Amino acid sequence: MSEAREKNRPIPVVFVGDAWWGVENGVAHKVAHHLLLQHPELDFLFRFALEEQYPVSRIVADCPRIVISQQPQALVCGIGFTDIKLGTPVEDFARTLGKFAHDLVSKCSTRVVFCAPPKLTFSPDEERAELARRYGSAISHVCSDNGFDFLKLERQCEEFIRRQSRHSGTLYPLRMGDDSLSPFGQMFVAHSILRCDFLGLRWEPAPLPEPGPDAPDSAEGGS
């Protein structure tokens, strides 16, 4: 393949996750939409391996098909919600996640970003909140050992909630009654993922089209 054609190849990005992301038109799709809006000059190829009930064991089993075969330039993975709901022991979760990481490192050269529901997602259910905390610790260790990025949302969510609690205007919750993300919460997580700059692209608003020769110099009524 010529160098010129290689440069024009689409940028493959794979998203893997479960119900916490909202799945259909949820976090992953919002990230993709923002990338398209911010970088209309780039050619992306998005793959969405998203299922409502997608424990980490299923992700590992499907990894050759949904990740490795796609040879992504970046993988964004939201895990943990289903396993927490199922009560998967931390040791089993960590062991399976380690196998997933090994498969990615040994069979696929890609930038990897993990994110997981923070423990406050499951408050006031202390058992599930503690499981979420321990899952987060396991993910952090796996990411550190393999050079992956781990988006730790706990502090970001707490800071946002703290600041918004001072407002008297319109408030939007980050989560629904079933612990899943609200539409606004999905946008919050999508923006957090984009700030990781997992593709090495600057995250900024897409430039406006250049005005045509017949366009006025400025809009009427502007100040």
Protein backbone atom coordinates (compact mmCIF):
# COMPACT_ATOMS: atom_id res chain seq x y z
CA MET A 1 0.00 0.00 0.00
CA SER A 2 1.37 3.43 -0.94
CA GLU A 3 2.27 5.96 1.75
CA ALA A 4 -0.34 8.40 0.41
CA ARG A 5 -3.11 5.81 0.63
CA GLU A 6 -1.95 4.76 4.09
CA LYS A 7 -2.36 8.32 5.31
CA ASN A 8 -5.92 8.41 3.96
CA ARG A 9 -7.05 5.26 5.77
CA PRO A 10 -9.94 5.74 8.23
CA ILE A 11 -9.07 5.99 11.93
CA PRO A 12 -10.58 2.87 13.57
CA VAL A 13 -11.99 3.38 17.07
CA VAL A 14 -13.71 0.59 19.03
CA PHE A 15 -16.08 1.13 21.96
CA VAL A 16 -16.92 -1.72 24.33
CA GLY A 17 -19.31 -1.44 27.24
CA ASP A 18 -22.50 -2.30 29.06
CA ALA A 19 -25.74 -0.71 30.22
CA TRP A 20 -24.08 1.97 32.35
CA TRP A 21 -23.16 3.81 29.15
CA GLY A 22 -26.73 3.82 27.94
CA VAL A 23 -25.71 1.56 25.03
CA GLU A 24 -28.00 2.83 22.24
CA ASN A 25 -27.06 6.47 21.54
CA GLY A 26 -25.32 6.58 24.91
CA VAL A 27 -21.82 7.62 26.00
CA ALA A 28 -19.92 5.87 23.21
CA HIS A 29 -22.09 7.36 20.48
CA LYS A 30 -21.80 10.81 22.04
CA VAL A 31 -17.99 10.53 22.00
CA ALA A 32 -18.13 9.51 18.34
CA HIS A 33 -20.50 12.35 17.48
CA HIS A 34 -18.25 14.91 19.17
CA LEU A 35 -15.19 13.58 17.34
CA LEU A 36 -17.01 13.96 14.02
CA LEU A 37 -18.11 17.50 14.88
CA GLN A 38 -14.70 18.58 16.14
CA HIS A 39 -12.67 16.99 13.35
CA PRO A 40 -14.77 16.95 10.16
CA GLU A 41 -11.54 16.74 8.17
CA LEU A 42 -10.75 13.29 9.59
CA ASP A 43 -12.14 9.95 8.43
CA PHE A 44 -13.23 7.79 11.39
CA LEU A 45 -14.39 4.19 11.44
CA PHE A 46 -16.37 3.55 14.63
CA ARG A 47 -17.27 0.09 15.94
CA PHE A 48 -19.68 -0.31 18.86
CA ALA A 49 -19.54 -3.58 20.81
CA LEU A 50 -22.20 -2.58 23.33
CA GLU A 51 -24.64 -4.83 25.17
CA GLU A 52 -26.96 -4.21 28.11
CA GLN A 53 -25.60 -7.24 29.99
CA TYR A 54 -21.90 -7.30 29.07
CA PRO A 55 -19.75 -8.63 31.97
CA VAL A 56 -15.99 -8.54 31.60
CA SER A 57 -15.93 -12.32 31.01
CA ARG A 58 -18.06 -11.85 27.90
CA ILE A 59 -15.79 -9.06 26.69
CA VAL A 60 -12.76 -11.33 27.04
CA ALA A 61 -14.48 -14.16 25.20
CA ASP A 62 -15.47 -11.84 22.35
CA CYS A 63 -12.18 -9.88 22.28
CA PRO A 64 -10.77 -11.54 19.14
CA ARG A 65 -13.92 -10.67 17.19
CA ILE A 66 -14.94 -7.29 18.59
CA VAL A 67 -11.52 -5.75 19.24
CA ILE A 68 -8.43 -7.50 17.87
CA SER A 69 -9.87 -8.23 14.42
CA GLN A 70 -10.72 -4.52 14.05
CA GLN A 71 -7.11 -3.42 14.72
CA PRO A 72 -8.29 -0.19 16.34
CA GLN A 73 -6.15 2.86 16.80
CA ALA A 74 -7.98 3.36 20.09
CA LEU A 75 -10.18 1.24 22.34
CA VAL A 76 -12.54 2.90 24.82
CA CYS A 77 -13.98 0.42 27.32
CA GLY A 78 -16.64 1.05 29.97
CA ILE A 79 -16.79 -1.95 32.30
CA GLY A 80 -17.93 -2.99 35.75
CA PHE A 81 -21.62 -2.06 35.92
CA THR A 82 -22.94 -5.47 34.88
CA ASP A 83 -20.41 -7.32 37.04
CA ILE A 84 -21.38 -5.22 40.06
CA LYS A 85 -25.06 -5.95 39.44
CA LEU A 86 -24.21 -9.66 39.16
CA GLY A 87 -22.02 -9.54 42.26
CA THR A 88 -18.93 -10.92 40.50
CA PRO A 89 -16.19 -11.42 43.14
CA VAL A 90 -13.38 -8.88 42.89
CA GLU A 91 -10.78 -11.63 42.50
CA ASP A 92 -12.62 -13.10 39.49
CA PHE A 93 -13.14 -9.66 37.98
CA ALA A 94 -9.46 -8.74 38.37
CA ARG A 95 -8.22 -12.08 36.99
CA THR A 96 -10.47 -11.84 33.93
CA LEU A 97 -9.54 -8.21 33.37
CA GLY A 98 -5.86 -9.19 33.51
CA LYS A 99 -6.46 -11.73 30.74
CA PHE A 100 -8.19 -9.08 28.67
CA ALA A 101 -5.22 -6.76 29.11
CA HIS A 102 -2.79 -9.54 28.15
CA ASP A 103 -4.74 -10.23 24.94
CA LEU A 104 -4.71 -6.55 24.03
CA VAL A 105 -0.99 -6.08 24.68
CA SER A 106 0.10 -9.29 22.96
CA LYS A 107 -2.25 -9.27 19.96
CA CYS A 108 -3.25 -5.66 19.34
CA SER A 109 -1.29 -2.42 19.23
CA THR A 110 -3.78 0.21 20.35
CA ARG A 111 -4.34 3.07 22.77
CA VAL A 112 -6.65 1.86 25.56
CA VAL A 113 -8.88 3.88 27.86
CA PHE A 114 -10.89 2.22 30.62
CA CYS A 115 -13.65 3.82 32.64
CA ALA A 116 -16.03 2.36 35.19
CA PRO A 117 -18.98 3.55 37.31
CA PRO A 118 -17.64 5.24 40.47
CA LYS A 119 -18.82 4.02 43.86
CA LEU A 120 -21.15 7.00 44.32
CA THR A 121 -23.19 5.57 41.44
CA PHE A 122 -24.44 2.85 43.79
CA SER A 123 -24.97 5.00 46.88
CA PRO A 124 -26.62 4.32 49.34
CA ASP A 125 -26.14 0.59 48.57
CA GLU A 126 -22.94 0.19 50.59
CA GLU A 127 -22.19 -3.34 49.38
CA ARG A 128 -22.30 -2.40 45.70
CA ALA A 129 -20.53 0.90 46.34
CA GLU A 130 -17.66 -0.97 48.01
CA LEU A 131 -17.56 -3.44 45.12
CA ALA A 132 -17.31 -0.52 42.70
CA ARG A 133 -14.42 0.92 44.73
CA ARG A 134 -12.54 -2.38 44.69
CA TYR A 135 -13.21 -2.85 40.97
CA GLY A 136 -11.78 0.62 40.39
CA SER A 137 -8.65 -0.33 42.30
CA ALA A 138 -8.27 -3.52 40.23
CA ILE A 139 -8.70 -1.60 36.97
CA SER A 140 -6.20 1.02 38.10
CA HIS A 141 -3.56 -1.64 38.77
CA VAL A 142 -4.14 -3.40 35.45
CA CYS A 143 -3.94 -0.11 33.58
CA SER A 144 -0.76 0.91 35.39
CA ASP A 145 0.88 -2.45 34.64
CA ASN A 146 0.00 -2.33 30.93
CA GLY A 147 0.30 1.35 30.05
CA PHE A 148 -3.44 1.89 29.66
CA ASP A 149 -5.35 5.01 30.68
CA PHE A 150 -7.94 4.74 33.45
CA LEU A 151 -10.48 7.52 33.64
CA LYS A 152 -11.21 7.92 37.36
CA LEU A 153 -14.58 9.60 37.51
CA GLU A 154 -15.16 9.64 41.27
CA ARG A 155 -13.53 12.98 41.99
CA GLN A 156 -14.90 14.59 38.82
CA CYS A 157 -18.46 13.52 39.64
CA GLU A 158 -18.22 14.60 43.27
CA GLU A 159 -16.82 18.01 42.33
CA PHE A 160 -19.51 18.57 39.72
CA ILE A 161 -22.30 17.56 42.13
CA ARG A 162 -20.83 19.79 44.85
CA ARG A 163 -20.70 22.82 42.56
CA GLN A 164 -24.11 22.22 41.02
CA SER A 165 -25.67 21.85 44.50
CA ARG A 166 -25.03 25.57 45.04
CA HIS A 167 -27.15 26.52 42.04
CA SER A 168 -30.76 27.64 42.25
CA GLY A 169 -31.41 27.35 38.52
CA THR A 170 -31.99 24.28 36.37
CA LEU A 171 -30.25 21.16 37.70
CA TYR A 172 -29.57 17.95 35.81
CA PRO A 173 -28.84 14.66 37.62
CA LEU A 174 -25.94 12.47 36.50
CA ARG A 175 -27.75 9.20 37.12
CA MET A 176 -31.16 7.61 37.01
CA GLY A 177 -33.00 5.75 39.77
CA ASP A 178 -31.67 2.40 38.52
CA ASP A 179 -28.05 3.62 38.94
CA SER A 180 -27.55 3.99 35.18
CA LEU A 181 -26.39 7.29 33.71
CA SER A 182 -28.97 9.91 32.85
CA PRO A 183 -28.75 11.46 29.37
CA PHE A 184 -26.94 14.39 30.97
CA GLY A 185 -24.68 11.97 32.85
CA GLN A 186 -23.83 10.27 29.56
CA MET A 187 -22.78 13.64 28.16
CA PHE A 188 -20.71 14.28 31.30
CA VAL A 189 -18.81 11.00 30.89
CA ALA A 190 -18.43 11.52 27.12
CA HIS A 191 -16.81 14.92 27.72
CA SER A 192 -14.53 13.37 30.33
CA ILE A 193 -13.42 10.71 27.84
CA LEU A 194 -12.77 13.30 25.16
CA ARG A 195 -10.57 15.27 27.56
CA CYS A 196 -8.34 12.19 27.79
CA ASP A 197 -7.43 12.97 24.16
CA PHE A 198 -7.08 9.24 23.51
CA LEU A 199 -6.36 9.80 19.82
CA GLY A 200 -3.87 12.60 20.31
CA LEU A 201 -6.30 15.14 18.86
CA ARG A 202 -7.00 18.52 20.35
CA TRP A 203 -10.46 18.66 21.89
CA GLU A 204 -11.95 21.95 20.78
CA PRO A 205 -15.02 23.15 18.87
CA ALA A 206 -14.98 22.41 15.17
CA PRO A 207 -14.07 25.47 13.08
CA LEU A 208 -16.90 27.25 11.33
CA PRO A 209 -16.95 27.00 7.53
CA GLU A 210 -15.19 29.79 5.71
CA PRO A 211 -17.72 32.38 4.44
CA GLY A 212 -18.39 32.37 0.72
CA PRO A 213 -17.59 35.34 -1.51
CA ASP A 214 -21.17 36.64 -1.26
CA ALA A 215 -21.43 36.33 2.52
CA PRO A 216 -21.80 39.57 4.54
CA ASP A 217 -18.85 40.67 6.64
CA SER A 218 -20.87 40.36 9.84
CA ALA A 219 -24.31 39.31 10.95
CA GLU A 220 -26.90 42.06 11.15
CA GLY A 221 -27.78 43.19 14.62
CA GLY A 222 -24.45 42.03 16.10
CA SER A 223 -22.72 44.10 18.73
